[in-house]
């Protein structure tokens, strides 16, 4: 998934598991050099932000699909990846 245009296209997409909406993508977390996406910042339906590793998703035409809600890592893991990478919105 190279290029900023594709990454921007992920913003505000629904994250779903078997048709059930788990949350929405609010940011893309890039590697330290801000060259490659490594995961997504997802605002879940309970209002919490969670990290979704890019390797665990399937990108559909309109949504991002996951096989399990356990793929959404807790806020402290999101903080870990944010501290070692860069948020796409802060690099624009």
Protein backbone atom coordinates (compact mmCIF):
# COMPACT_ATOMS: atom_id res chain seq x y z
CA UNK A 1 0.00 0.00 0.00
CA UNK A 2 2.43 2.70 -0.99
CA UNK A 3 1.83 6.39 -1.41
CA UNK A 4 0.13 8.97 0.72
CA UNK A 5 -3.01 8.96 -1.43
CA UNK A 6 -3.82 5.37 -0.42
CA UNK A 7 -3.12 6.13 3.23
CA UNK A 8 -5.35 9.21 3.20
CA UNK A 9 -8.03 7.04 1.60
CA UNK A 10 -8.12 4.92 4.77
CA UNK A 11 -9.18 7.83 6.98
CA UNK A 12 -12.73 7.61 8.32
CA UNK A 13 -13.24 4.11 6.92
CA UNK A 14 -15.29 1.76 9.03
CA UNK A 15 -13.45 -1.13 10.67
CA UNK A 16 -15.68 -4.19 10.52
CA UNK A 17 -15.69 -7.82 11.56
CA UNK A 18 -18.21 -9.93 9.64
CA UNK A 19 -20.33 -6.86 8.95
CA UNK A 20 -20.26 -5.53 12.53
CA UNK A 21 -18.79 -2.06 12.84
CA UNK A 22 -16.07 -1.94 15.50
CA UNK A 23 -14.91 1.64 14.91
CA UNK A 24 -13.49 4.10 12.38
CA UNK A 25 -9.97 4.86 11.21
CA UNK A 26 -8.91 8.29 12.52
CA UNK A 27 -5.21 8.18 11.66
CA UNK A 28 -2.53 6.07 10.00
CA UNK A 29 0.62 5.36 12.01
CA UNK A 30 3.76 5.44 9.87
CA UNK A 31 7.21 4.02 10.57
CA UNK A 32 9.83 6.30 12.13
CA UNK A 33 10.94 7.64 8.75
CA UNK A 34 7.29 8.35 7.86
CA UNK A 35 7.67 6.26 4.71
CA UNK A 36 5.52 3.16 5.35
CA UNK A 37 2.28 2.63 7.23
CA UNK A 38 2.52 0.16 10.12
CA UNK A 39 -0.97 0.40 11.57
CA UNK A 40 -4.14 2.36 12.13
CA UNK A 41 -5.46 4.49 14.97
CA UNK A 42 -9.06 3.34 15.32
CA UNK A 43 -11.66 5.16 17.39
CA UNK A 44 -13.82 2.30 18.61
CA UNK A 45 -17.51 2.43 19.34
CA UNK A 46 -16.79 2.68 23.07
CA UNK A 47 -14.91 5.96 22.41
CA UNK A 48 -11.45 4.46 23.04
CA UNK A 49 -8.61 4.71 20.54
CA UNK A 50 -6.87 1.44 19.72
CA UNK A 51 -3.99 0.36 17.48
CA UNK A 52 -4.75 -1.96 14.57
CA UNK A 53 -1.60 -3.49 13.01
CA UNK A 54 -1.63 -3.17 9.23
CA UNK A 55 -0.68 -6.84 8.78
CA UNK A 56 -4.00 -7.91 10.36
CA UNK A 57 -6.39 -6.08 8.01
CA UNK A 58 -7.99 -6.55 4.63
CA UNK A 59 -8.80 -3.36 2.77
CA UNK A 60 -12.13 -3.52 1.01
CA UNK A 61 -13.70 -1.05 -1.39
CA UNK A 62 -15.36 0.87 1.43
CA UNK A 63 -14.27 -0.70 4.73
CA UNK A 64 -11.35 -2.22 6.57
CA UNK A 65 -12.04 -5.83 7.60
CA UNK A 66 -10.57 -7.75 10.54
CA UNK A 67 -11.06 -11.38 11.55
CA UNK A 68 -11.27 -10.68 15.28
CA UNK A 69 -11.80 -7.70 17.59
CA UNK A 70 -8.72 -8.96 19.44
CA UNK A 71 -6.66 -7.44 16.61
CA UNK A 72 -7.48 -4.02 18.07
CA UNK A 73 -4.73 -3.44 20.62
CA UNK A 74 -5.34 -1.36 23.74
CA UNK A 75 -4.46 2.32 24.15
CA UNK A 76 -1.05 1.67 25.73
CA UNK A 77 0.01 -0.26 22.60
CA UNK A 78 -1.23 2.63 20.45
CA UNK A 79 0.91 4.97 22.55
CA UNK A 80 3.89 2.63 22.07
CA UNK A 81 3.59 2.71 18.26
CA UNK A 82 2.90 6.45 18.18
CA UNK A 83 6.06 7.11 20.23
CA UNK A 84 8.18 5.04 17.81
CA UNK A 85 6.50 6.14 14.59
CA UNK A 86 4.64 9.12 13.26
CA UNK A 87 1.00 9.90 12.84
CA UNK A 88 0.18 10.56 9.18
CA UNK A 89 -1.92 13.59 10.07
CA UNK A 90 1.09 15.22 11.76
CA UNK A 91 3.30 14.74 8.68
CA UNK A 92 0.95 16.42 6.21
